[in-house]
Amino acid sequence: MKEEKSVLGLATIRKNRGISLQQIAESTKISIRLLEAIERGEFRKLPGGIYNTSYIRQYARAIDYDESAILTVYHREMNAESGVSLNGGGKGIYPGFRPASMLGS
């Protein structure tokens, strides 16, 4: 049996609840290809922008799963890939930029 890669075991949870990807696709109008990407944690395959979080939220609701858990994984993955630190390491999220209050000093 082939081991499937899945974020938080989403595919298994969905299957255990008797929900098919086709059912989710029909109710949300999100393609099966994108739903599979969410389940595998392949967030770079999503269209980008606010669509990503919207699709993740809709998927979570469709399988009755905690949206924030998937979104936490999504944000962690996207920030790790872009090299952005959420805590800023003391340099802020955008190193090299100064707050407007410091301009002109």
PDB file of N, CA and C in Angstrom:
ATOM      1  N   MET A   1       0.848  -1.192   0.000  1.00  0.00           N
ATOM      2  CA  MET A   1       0.000   0.000   0.000  1.00  0.00           C
ATOM      3  C   MET A   1       0.883   1.241   0.000  1.00  0.00           C
ATOM      4  N   LYS A   2       0.573   2.147  -0.881  1.00  0.00           N
ATOM      5  CA  LYS A   2       1.357   3.375  -0.995  1.00  0.00           C
ATOM      6  C   LYS A   2       1.004   4.338   0.133  1.00  0.00           C
ATOM      7  N   GLU A   3       2.040   4.858   0.792  1.00  0.00           N
ATOM      8  CA  GLU A   3       1.814   5.828   1.868  1.00  0.00           C
ATOM      9  C   GLU A   3       1.495   7.181   1.241  1.00  0.00           C
ATOM     10  N   GLU A   4       0.401   7.779   1.659  1.00  0.00           N
ATOM     11  CA  GLU A   4       0.045   9.084   1.100  1.00  0.00           C
ATOM     12  C   GLU A   4       0.501  10.195   2.030  1.00  0.00           C
ATOM     13  N   LYS A   5       1.019  11.243   1.419  1.00  0.00           N
ATOM     14  CA  LYS A   5       1.431  12.416   2.180  1.00  0.00           C
ATOM     15  C   LYS A   5       0.175  13.238   2.436  1.00  0.00           C
ATOM     16  N   SER A   6      -0.037  13.594   3.670  1.00  0.00           N
ATOM     17  CA  SER A   6      -1.231  14.352   3.993  1.00  0.00           C
ATOM     18  C   SER A   6      -0.952  15.267   5.173  1.00  0.00           C
ATOM     19  N   VAL A   7      -1.399  16.502   5.054  1.00  0.00           N
ATOM     20  CA  VAL A   7      -1.267  17.458   6.147  1.00  0.00           C
ATOM     21  C   VAL A   7      -2.313  17.105   7.204  1.00  0.00           C
ATOM     22  N   LEU A   8      -1.854  16.891   8.409  1.00  0.00           N
ATOM     23  CA  LEU A   8      -2.735  16.599   9.542  1.00  0.00           C
ATOM     24  C   LEU A   8      -3.633  15.385   9.310  1.00  0.00           C
ATOM     25  N   GLY A   9      -3.294  14.537   8.357  1.00  0.00           N
ATOM     26  CA  GLY A   9      -4.119  13.359   8.071  1.00  0.00           C
ATOM     27  C   GLY A   9      -5.478  13.722   7.488  1.00  0.00           C
ATOM     28  N   LEU A  10      -5.546  14.805   6.737  1.00  0.00           N
ATOM     29  CA  LEU A  10      -6.830  15.304   6.234  1.00  0.00           C
ATOM     30  C   LEU A  10      -7.547  14.306   5.333  1.00  0.00           C
ATOM     31  N   ALA A  11      -6.809  13.652   4.447  1.00  0.00           N
ATOM     32  CA  ALA A  11      -7.443  12.688   3.542  1.00  0.00           C
ATOM     33  C   ALA A  11      -8.075  11.548   4.332  1.00  0.00           C
ATOM     34  N   THR A  12      -7.375  11.082   5.348  1.00  0.00           N
ATOM     35  CA  THR A  12      -7.898   9.997   6.179  1.00  0.00           C
ATOM     36  C   THR A  12      -9.138  10.439   6.940  1.00  0.00           C
ATOM     37  N   ILE A  13      -9.092  11.634   7.502  1.00  0.00           N
ATOM     38  CA  ILE A  13     -10.253  12.168   8.227  1.00  0.00           C
ATOM     39  C   ILE A  13     -11.448  12.274   7.289  1.00  0.00           C
ATOM     40  N   ARG A  14     -11.200  12.829   6.106  1.00  0.00           N
ATOM     41  CA  ARG A  14     -12.292  12.989   5.124  1.00  0.00           C
ATOM     42  C   ARG A  14     -12.889  11.635   4.761  1.00  0.00           C
ATOM     43  N   LYS A  15     -12.034  10.658   4.475  1.00  0.00           N
ATOM     44  CA  LYS A  15     -12.511   9.327   4.088  1.00  0.00           C
ATOM     45  C   LYS A  15     -13.270   8.666   5.232  1.00  0.00           C
ATOM     46  N   ASN A  16     -12.759   8.802   6.463  1.00  0.00           N
ATOM     47  CA  ASN A  16     -13.429   8.211   7.627  1.00  0.00           C
ATOM     48  C   ASN A  16     -14.814   8.813   7.850  1.00  0.00           C
ATOM     49  N   ARG A  17     -14.991  10.044   7.406  1.00  0.00           N
ATOM     50  CA  ARG A  17     -16.297  10.697   7.557  1.00  0.00           C
ATOM     51  C   ARG A  17     -17.208  10.440   6.364  1.00  0.00           C
ATOM     52  N   GLY A  18     -16.715   9.639   5.425  1.00  0.00           N
ATOM     53  CA  GLY A  18     -17.532   9.248   4.284  1.00  0.00           C
ATOM     54  C   GLY A  18     -17.765  10.367   3.283  1.00  0.00           C
ATOM     55  N   ILE A  19     -16.800  11.262   3.166  1.00  0.00           N
ATOM     56  CA  ILE A  19     -16.937  12.404   2.259  1.00  0.00           C
ATOM     57  C   ILE A  19     -15.945  12.230   1.111  1.00  0.00           C
ATOM     58  N   SER A  20     -16.428  12.352  -0.107  1.00  0.00           N
ATOM     59  CA  SER A  20     -15.538  12.233  -1.261  1.00  0.00           C
ATOM     60  C   SER A  20     -15.061  13.616  -1.704  1.00  0.00           C
ATOM     61  N   LEU A  21     -13.942  13.627  -2.402  1.00  0.00           N
ATOM     62  CA  LEU A  21     -13.455  14.890  -2.959  1.00  0.00           C
ATOM     63  C   LEU A  21     -14.471  15.448  -3.954  1.00  0.00           C
ATOM     64  N   GLN A  22     -15.149  14.552  -4.666  1.00  0.00           N
ATOM     65  CA  GLN A  22     -16.161  14.984  -5.632  1.00  0.00           C
ATOM     66  C   GLN A  22     -17.281  15.757  -4.926  1.00  0.00           C
ATOM     67  N   GLN A  23     -17.711  15.278  -3.773  1.00  0.00           N
ATOM     68  CA  GLN A  23     -18.763  15.964  -3.012  1.00  0.00           C
ATOM     69  C   GLN A  23     -18.302  17.357  -2.586  1.00  0.00           C
ATOM     70  N   ILE A  24     -17.060  17.451  -2.117  1.00  0.00           N
ATOM     71  CA  ILE A  24     -16.537  18.745  -1.690  1.00  0.00           C
ATOM     72  C   ILE A  24     -16.426  19.677  -2.887  1.00  0.00           C
ATOM     73  N   ALA A  25     -15.934  19.148  -4.000  1.00  0.00           N
ATOM     74  CA  ALA A  25     -15.789  19.961  -5.210  1.00  0.00           C
ATOM     75  C   ALA A  25     -17.145  20.498  -5.672  1.00  0.00           C
ATOM     76  N   GLU A  26     -18.167  19.679  -5.616  1.00  0.00           N
ATOM     77  CA  GLU A  26     -19.495  20.121  -6.042  1.00  0.00           C
ATOM     78  C   GLU A  26     -20.073  21.186  -5.116  1.00  0.00           C
ATOM     79  N   SER A  27     -19.842  21.037  -3.815  1.00  0.00           N
ATOM     80  CA  SER A  27     -20.433  21.994  -2.878  1.00  0.00           C
ATOM     81  C   SER A  27     -19.648  23.298  -2.789  1.00  0.00           C
ATOM     82  N   THR A  28     -18.335  23.241  -3.028  1.00  0.00           N
ATOM     83  CA  THR A  28     -17.512  24.443  -2.875  1.00  0.00           C
ATOM     84  C   THR A  28     -17.122  25.085  -4.203  1.00  0.00           C
ATOM     85  N   LYS A  29     -17.263  24.339  -5.292  1.00  0.00           N
ATOM     86  CA  LYS A  29     -16.828  24.797  -6.626  1.00  0.00           C
ATOM     87  C   LYS A  29     -15.304  24.923  -6.714  1.00  0.00           C
ATOM     88  N   ILE A  30     -14.592  24.194  -5.846  1.00  0.00           N
ATOM     89  CA  ILE A  30     -13.128  24.133  -5.881  1.00  0.00           C
ATOM     90  C   ILE A  30     -12.760  22.851  -6.612  1.00  0.00           C
ATOM     91  N   SER A  31     -11.811  22.929  -7.532  1.00  0.00           N
ATOM     92  CA  SER A  31     -11.451  21.751  -8.319  1.00  0.00           C
ATOM     93  C   SER A  31     -10.853  20.656  -7.435  1.00  0.00           C
ATOM     94  N   ILE A  32     -11.043  19.432  -7.875  1.00  0.00           N
ATOM     95  CA  ILE A  32     -10.488  18.289  -7.147  1.00  0.00           C
ATOM     96  C   ILE A  32      -8.971  18.397  -7.065  1.00  0.00           C
ATOM     97  N   ARG A  33      -8.344  18.879  -8.117  1.00  0.00           N
ATOM     98  CA  ARG A  33      -6.882  19.049  -8.135  1.00  0.00           C
ATOM     99  C   ARG A  33      -6.427  19.951  -6.990  1.00  0.00           C
ATOM    100  N   LEU A  34      -7.143  21.046  -6.749  1.00  0.00           N
ATOM    101  CA  LEU A  34      -6.771  21.963  -5.670  1.00  0.00           C
ATOM    102  C   LEU A  34      -7.094  21.370  -4.296  1.00  0.00           C
ATOM    103  N   LEU A  35      -8.187  20.630  -4.200  1.00  0.00           N
ATOM    104  CA  LEU A  35      -8.530  19.970  -2.935  1.00  0.00           C
ATOM    105  C   LEU A  35      -7.461  18.941  -2.572  1.00  0.00           C
ATOM    106  N   GLU A  36      -6.982  18.204  -3.572  1.00  0.00           N
ATOM    107  CA  GLU A  36      -5.903  17.242  -3.327  1.00  0.00           C
ATOM    108  C   GLU A  36      -4.630  17.951  -2.878  1.00  0.00           C
ATOM    109  N   ALA A  37      -4.357  19.108  -3.462  1.00  0.00           N
ATOM    110  CA  ALA A  37      -3.171  19.880  -3.061  1.00  0.00           C
ATOM    111  C   ALA A  37      -3.274  20.301  -1.595  1.00  0.00           C
ATOM    112  N   ILE A  38      -4.459  20.711  -1.169  1.00  0.00           N
ATOM    113  CA  ILE A  38      -4.658  21.085   0.236  1.00  0.00           C
ATOM    114  C   ILE A  38      -4.390  19.875   1.131  1.00  0.00           C
ATOM    115  N   GLU A  39      -4.966  18.727   0.773  1.00  0.00           N
ATOM    116  CA  GLU A  39      -4.781  17.526   1.591  1.00  0.00           C
ATOM    117  C   GLU A  39      -3.315  17.131   1.695  1.00  0.00           C
ATOM    118  N   ARG A  40      -2.553  17.312   0.645  1.00  0.00           N
ATOM    119  CA  ARG A  40      -1.143  16.927   0.638  1.00  0.00           C
ATOM    120  C   ARG A  40      -0.231  18.026   1.180  1.00  0.00           C
ATOM    121  N   GLY A  41      -0.798  19.203   1.457  1.00  0.00           N
ATOM    122  CA  GLY A  41       0.026  20.301   1.956  1.00  0.00           C
ATOM    123  C   GLY A  41       0.862  20.935   0.863  1.00  0.00           C
ATOM    124  N   GLU A  42       0.454  20.766  -0.377  1.00  0.00           N
ATOM    125  CA  GLU A  42       1.159  21.364  -1.514  1.00  0.00           C
ATOM    126  C   GLU A  42       0.532  22.723  -1.826  1.00  0.00           C
ATOM    127  N   PHE A  43       0.713  23.644  -0.888  1.00  0.00           N
ATOM    128  CA  PHE A  43       0.035  24.933  -0.957  1.00  0.00           C
ATOM    129  C   PHE A  43       0.493  25.801  -2.113  1.00  0.00           C
ATOM    130  N   ARG A  44       1.686  25.554  -2.641  1.00  0.00           N
ATOM    131  CA  ARG A  44       2.184  26.325  -3.790  1.00  0.00           C
ATOM    132  C   ARG A  44       1.361  26.051  -5.046  1.00  0.00           C
ATOM    133  N   LYS A  45       0.598  24.962  -5.041  1.00  0.00           N
ATOM    134  CA  LYS A  45      -0.231  24.628  -6.198  1.00  0.00           C
ATOM    135  C   LYS A  45      -1.565  25.380  -6.185  1.00  0.00           C
ATOM    136  N   LEU A  46      -1.853  26.067  -5.092  1.00  0.00           N
ATOM    137  CA  LEU A  46      -3.081  26.854  -4.995  1.00  0.00           C
ATOM    138  C   LEU A  46      -2.889  28.158  -5.769  1.00  0.00           C
ATOM    139  N   PRO A  47      -3.990  28.824  -6.132  1.00  0.00           N
ATOM    140  CA  PRO A  47      -3.885  30.004  -7.002  1.00  0.00           C
ATOM    141  C   PRO A  47      -3.208  31.220  -6.386  1.00  0.00           C
ATOM    142  N   GLY A  48      -3.159  31.315  -5.074  1.00  0.00           N
ATOM    143  CA  GLY A  48      -2.483  32.433  -4.430  1.00  0.00           C
ATOM    144  C   GLY A  48      -3.452  33.431  -3.829  1.00  0.00           C
ATOM    145  N   GLY A  49      -2.870  34.386  -3.116  1.00  0.00           N
ATOM    146  CA  GLY A  49      -3.659  35.461  -2.516  1.00  0.00           C
ATOM    147  C   GLY A  49      -4.703  34.962  -1.537  1.00  0.00           C
ATOM    148  N   ILE A  50      -5.809  35.694  -1.483  1.00  0.00           N
ATOM    149  CA  ILE A  50      -6.871  35.336  -0.535  1.00  0.00           C
ATOM    150  C   ILE A  50      -7.598  34.065  -0.935  1.00  0.00           C
ATOM    151  N   TYR A  51      -7.409  33.627  -2.177  1.00  0.00           N
ATOM    152  CA  TYR A  51      -8.035  32.374  -2.590  1.00  0.00           C
ATOM    153  C   TYR A  51      -7.532  31.212  -1.737  1.00  0.00           C
ATOM    154  N   ASN A  52      -6.245  31.221  -1.422  1.00  0.00           N
ATOM    155  CA  ASN A  52      -5.675  30.117  -0.656  1.00  0.00           C
ATOM    156  C   ASN A  52      -6.377  29.929   0.682  1.00  0.00           C
ATOM    157  N   THR A  53      -6.461  30.981   1.451  1.00  0.00           N
ATOM    158  CA  THR A  53      -7.090  30.841   2.773  1.00  0.00           C
ATOM    159  C   THR A  53      -8.581  30.551   2.641  1.00  0.00           C
ATOM    160  N   SER A  54      -9.213  31.106   1.639  1.00  0.00           N
ATOM    161  CA  SER A  54     -10.631  30.829   1.411  1.00  0.00           C
ATOM    162  C   SER A  54     -10.846  29.353   1.085  1.00  0.00           C
ATOM    163  N   TYR A  55     -10.027  28.815   0.206  1.00  0.00           N
ATOM    164  CA  TYR A  55     -10.156  27.407  -0.174  1.00  0.00           C
ATOM    165  C   TYR A  55      -9.883  26.494   1.013  1.00  0.00           C
ATOM    166  N   ILE A  56      -8.872  26.838   1.806  1.00  0.00           N
ATOM    167  CA  ILE A  56      -8.553  26.022   2.981  1.00  0.00           C
ATOM    168  C   ILE A  56      -9.707  26.046   3.976  1.00  0.00           C
ATOM    169  N   ARG A  57     -10.276  27.223   4.209  1.00  0.00           N
ATOM    170  CA  ARG A  57     -11.425  27.329   5.123  1.00  0.00           C
ATOM    171  C   ARG A  57     -12.618  26.518   4.622  1.00  0.00           C
ATOM    172  N   GLN A  58     -12.902  26.622   3.338  1.00  0.00           N
ATOM    173  CA  GLN A  58     -14.031  25.878   2.774  1.00  0.00           C
ATOM    174  C   GLN A  58     -13.814  24.368   2.875  1.00  0.00           C
ATOM    175  N   TYR A  59     -12.597  23.937   2.610  1.00  0.00           N
ATOM    176  CA  TYR A  59     -12.272  22.511   2.724  1.00  0.00           C
ATOM    177  C   TYR A  59     -12.491  22.047   4.165  1.00  0.00           C
ATOM    178  N   ALA A  60     -11.956  22.807   5.117  1.00  0.00           N
ATOM    179  CA  ALA A  60     -12.085  22.439   6.531  1.00  0.00           C
ATOM    180  C   ALA A  60     -13.551  22.338   6.941  1.00  0.00           C
ATOM    181  N   ARG A  61     -14.348  23.296   6.528  1.00  0.00           N
ATOM    182  CA  ARG A  61     -15.780  23.259   6.857  1.00  0.00           C
ATOM    183  C   ARG A  61     -16.457  22.042   6.239  1.00  0.00           C
ATOM    184  N   ALA A  62     -16.039  21.702   5.023  1.00  0.00           N
ATOM    185  CA  ALA A  62     -16.663  20.576   4.319  1.00  0.00           C
ATOM    186  C   ALA A  62     -16.415  19.248   5.023  1.00  0.00           C
ATOM    187  N   ILE A  63     -15.266  19.119   5.694  1.00  0.00           N
ATOM    188  CA  ILE A  63     -14.986  17.874   6.413  1.00  0.00           C
ATOM    189  C   ILE A  63     -15.179  18.036   7.920  1.00  0.00           C
ATOM    190  N   ASP A  64     -15.745  19.165   8.323  1.00  0.00           N
ATOM    191  CA  ASP A  64     -16.004  19.467   9.733  1.00  0.00           C
ATOM    192  C   ASP A  64     -14.715  19.364  10.552  1.00  0.00           C
ATOM    193  N   TYR A  65     -13.728  20.143  10.126  1.00  0.00           N
ATOM    194  CA  TYR A  65     -12.414  20.145  10.764  1.00  0.00           C
ATOM    195  C   TYR A  65     -12.065  21.568  11.176  1.00  0.00           C
ATOM    196  N   ASP A  66     -11.212  21.698  12.173  1.00  0.00           N
ATOM    197  CA  ASP A  66     -10.805  23.000  12.694  1.00  0.00           C
ATOM    198  C   ASP A  66     -10.018  23.793  11.640  1.00  0.00           C
ATOM    199  N   GLU A  67     -10.607  24.868  11.146  1.00  0.00           N
ATOM    200  CA  GLU A  67      -9.967  25.701  10.122  1.00  0.00           C
ATOM    201  C   GLU A  67      -8.611  26.211  10.583  1.00  0.00           C
ATOM    202  N   SER A  68      -8.536  26.643  11.828  1.00  0.00           N
ATOM    203  CA  SER A  68      -7.303  27.262  12.317  1.00  0.00           C
ATOM    204  C   SER A  68      -6.138  26.281  12.323  1.00  0.00           C
ATOM    205  N   ALA A  69      -6.403  25.001  12.518  1.00  0.00           N
ATOM    206  CA  ALA A  69      -5.321  24.014  12.516  1.00  0.00           C
ATOM    207  C   ALA A  69      -4.681  23.923  11.135  1.00  0.00           C
ATOM    208  N   ILE A  70      -5.509  23.883  10.093  1.00  0.00           N
ATOM    209  CA  ILE A  70      -4.962  23.799   8.733  1.00  0.00           C
ATOM    210  C   ILE A  70      -4.297  25.120   8.367  1.00  0.00           C
ATOM    211  N   LEU A  71      -4.917  26.229   8.731  1.00  0.00           N
ATOM    212  CA  LEU A  71      -4.338  27.528   8.395  1.00  0.00           C
ATOM    213  C   LEU A  71      -3.003  27.755   9.092  1.00  0.00           C
ATOM    214  N   THR A  72      -2.845  27.220  10.294  1.00  0.00           N
ATOM    215  CA  THR A  72      -1.570  27.327  11.001  1.00  0.00           C
ATOM    216  C   THR A  72      -0.478  26.610  10.215  1.00  0.00           C
ATOM    217  N   VAL A  73      -0.791  25.407   9.732  1.00  0.00           N
ATOM    218  CA  VAL A  73       0.169  24.660   8.917  1.00  0.00           C
ATOM    219  C   VAL A  73       0.451  25.424   7.632  1.00  0.00           C
ATOM    220  N   TYR A  74      -0.585  25.962   7.002  1.00  0.00           N
ATOM    221  CA  TYR A  74      -0.431  26.721   5.764  1.00  0.00           C
ATOM    222  C   TYR A  74       0.519  27.909   5.975  1.00  0.00           C
ATOM    223  N   HIS A  75       0.256  28.711   7.002  1.00  0.00           N
ATOM    224  CA  HIS A  75       1.086  29.893   7.255  1.00  0.00           C
ATOM    225  C   HIS A  75       2.519  29.501   7.595  1.00  0.00           C
ATOM    226  N   ARG A  76       2.688  28.444   8.373  1.00  0.00           N
ATOM    227  CA  ARG A  76       4.032  27.980   8.724  1.00  0.00           C
ATOM    228  C   ARG A  76       4.785  27.562   7.463  1.00  0.00           C
ATOM    229  N   GLU A  77       4.132  26.798   6.605  1.00  0.00           N
ATOM    230  CA  GLU A  77       4.778  26.337   5.371  1.00  0.00           C
ATOM    231  C   GLU A  77       5.120  27.502   4.446  1.00  0.00           C
ATOM    232  N   MET A  78       4.189  28.403   4.263  1.00  0.00           N
ATOM    233  CA  MET A  78       4.405  29.518   3.346  1.00  0.00           C
ATOM    234  C   MET A  78       5.490  30.452   3.871  1.00  0.00           C
ATOM    235  N   ASN A  79       5.513  30.689   5.177  1.00  0.00           N
ATOM    236  CA  ASN A  79       6.543  31.551   5.764  1.00  0.00           C
ATOM    237  C   ASN A  79       7.907  30.889   5.726  1.00  0.00           C
ATOM    238  N   ALA A  80       7.960  29.580   5.923  1.00  0.00           N
ATOM    239  CA  ALA A  80       9.231  28.865   5.872  1.00  0.00           C
ATOM    240  C   ALA A  80       9.807  28.904   4.461  1.00  0.00           C
ATOM    241  N   GLU A  81       8.947  28.750   3.457  1.00  0.00           N
ATOM    242  CA  GLU A  81       9.406  28.760   2.076  1.00  0.00           C
ATOM    243  C   GLU A  81       9.868  30.144   1.629  1.00  0.00           C
ATOM    244  N   SER A  82       9.247  31.188   2.184  1.00  0.00           N
ATOM    245  CA  SER A  82       9.623  32.537   1.761  1.00  0.00           C
ATOM    246  C   SER A  82      10.747  33.111   2.616  1.00  0.00           C
ATOM    247  N   GLY A  83      11.092  32.413   3.699  1.00  0.00           N
ATOM    248  CA  GLY A  83      12.166  32.875   4.561  1.00  0.00           C
ATOM    249  C   GLY A  83      11.739  33.979   5.511  1.00  0.00           C
ATOM    250  N   VAL A  84      10.442  34.212   5.638  1.00  0.00           N
ATOM    251  CA  VAL A  84       9.933  35.247   6.539  1.00  0.00           C
ATOM    252  C   VAL A  84       9.763  34.653   7.920  1.00  0.00           C
ATOM    253  N   SER A  85      10.237  35.358   8.898  1.00  0.00           N
ATOM    254  CA  SER A  85      10.085  34.940  10.281  1.00  0.00           C
ATOM    255  C   SER A  85       8.920  35.694  10.896  1.00  0.00           C
ATOM    256  N   LEU A  86       8.021  34.941  11.532  1.00  0.00           N
ATOM    257  CA  LEU A  86       6.872  35.603  12.153  1.00  0.00           C
ATOM    258  C   LEU A  86       7.279  36.416  13.373  1.00  0.00           C
ATOM    259  N   ASN A  87       8.335  35.985  14.062  1.00  0.00           N
ATOM    260  CA  ASN A  87       8.739  36.747  15.243  1.00  0.00           C
ATOM    261  C   ASN A  87       9.716  37.859  14.879  1.00  0.00           C
ATOM    262  N   GLY A  88      10.200  37.836  13.643  1.00  0.00           N
ATOM    263  CA  GLY A  88      11.041  38.916  13.152  1.00  0.00           C
ATOM    264  C   GLY A  88      12.469  38.885  13.646  1.00  0.00           C
ATOM    265  N   GLY A  89      12.785  38.052  14.593  1.00  0.00           N
ATOM    266  CA  GLY A  89      14.155  37.971  15.100  1.00  0.00           C
ATOM    267  C   GLY A  89      14.687  39.315  15.542  1.00  0.00           C
ATOM    268  N   GLY A  90      13.810  40.207  16.020  1.00  0.00           N
ATOM    269  CA  GLY A  90      14.232  41.510  16.490  1.00  0.00           C
ATOM    270  C   GLY A  90      14.418  42.521  15.371  1.00  0.00           C
ATOM    271  N   LYS A  91      14.251  42.077  14.125  1.00  0.00           N
ATOM    272  CA  LYS A  91      14.454  42.976  13.000  1.00  0.00           C
ATOM    273  C   LYS A  91      13.154  43.290  12.277  1.00  0.00           C
ATOM    274  N   GLY A  92      12.047  42.805  12.779  1.00  0.00           N
ATOM    275  CA  GLY A  92      10.768  43.039  12.129  1.00  0.00           C
ATOM    276  C   GLY A  92      10.547  42.051  11.003  1.00  0.00           C
ATOM    277  N   ILE A  93       9.355  42.039  10.504  1.00  0.00           N
ATOM    278  CA  ILE A  93       9.017  41.111   9.433  1.00  0.00           C
ATOM    279  C   ILE A  93       9.717  41.508   8.146  1.00  0.00           C
ATOM    280  N   TYR A  94       9.929  42.791   7.937  1.00  0.00           N
ATOM    281  CA  TYR A  94      10.557  43.282   6.718  1.00  0.00           C
ATOM    282  C   TYR A  94      11.893  43.926   7.059  1.00  0.00           C
ATOM    283  N   PRO A  95      12.956  43.115   7.155  1.00  0.00           N
ATOM    284  CA  PRO A  95      14.257  43.668   7.512  1.00  0.00           C
ATOM    285  C   PRO A  95      14.686  44.735   6.502  1.00  0.00           C
ATOM    286  N   GLY A  96      15.319  45.764   6.980  1.00  0.00           N
ATOM    287  CA  GLY A  96      15.791  46.829   6.101  1.00  0.00           C
ATOM    288  C   GLY A  96      14.810  47.965   5.962  1.00  0.00           C
ATOM    289  N   PHE A  97      13.587  47.768   6.404  1.00  0.00           N
ATOM    290  CA  PHE A  97      12.584  48.840   6.343  1.00  0.00           C
ATOM    291  C   PHE A  97      12.427  49.442   7.724  1.00  0.00           C
ATOM    292  N   ARG A  98      12.271  50.754   7.755  1.00  0.00           N
ATOM    293  CA  ARG A  98      12.073  51.440   9.029  1.00  0.00           C
ATOM    294  C   ARG A  98      10.636  51.919   9.107  1.00  0.00           C
ATOM    295  N   PRO A  99      10.065  51.932  10.298  1.00  0.00           N
ATOM    296  CA  PRO A  99       8.717  52.487  10.447  1.00  0.00           C
ATOM    297  C   PRO A  99       8.680  53.932  10.013  1.00  0.00           C
ATOM    298  N   ALA A 100       7.532  54.392   9.566  1.00  0.00           N
ATOM    299  CA  ALA A 100       7.376  55.777   9.109  1.00  0.00           C
ATOM    300  C   ALA A 100       7.788  56.767  10.191  1.00  0.00           C
ATOM    301  N   SER A 101       7.604  56.396  11.448  1.00  0.00           N
ATOM    302  CA  SER A 101       7.954  57.295  12.554  1.00  0.00           C
ATOM    303  C   SER A 101       9.456  57.546  12.626  1.00  0.00           C
ATOM    304  N   MET A 102      10.240  56.671  11.994  1.00  0.00           N
ATOM    305  CA  MET A 102      11.691  56.828  12.030  1.00  0.00           C
ATOM    306  C   MET A 102      12.230  57.539  10.791  1.00  0.00           C
ATOM    307  N   LEU A 103      11.375  57.743   9.798  1.00  0.00           N
ATOM    308  CA  LEU A 103      11.835  58.418   8.593  1.00  0.00           C
ATOM    309  C   LEU A 103      12.164  59.867   8.913  1.00  0.00           C
ATOM    310  N   GLY A 104      13.177  60.344   8.300  1.00  0.00           N
ATOM    311  CA  GLY A 104      13.588  61.713   8.546  1.00  0.00           C
ATOM    312  C   GLY A 104      14.524  61.854   9.736  1.00  0.00           C
ATOM    313  N   SER A 105      14.815  60.726  10.418  1.00  0.00           N
ATOM    314  CA  SER A 105      15.751  60.817  11.541  1.00  0.00           C
ATOM    315  C   SER A 105      17.154  60.600  11.054  1.00  0.00           C
TER     316      SER A 105
END
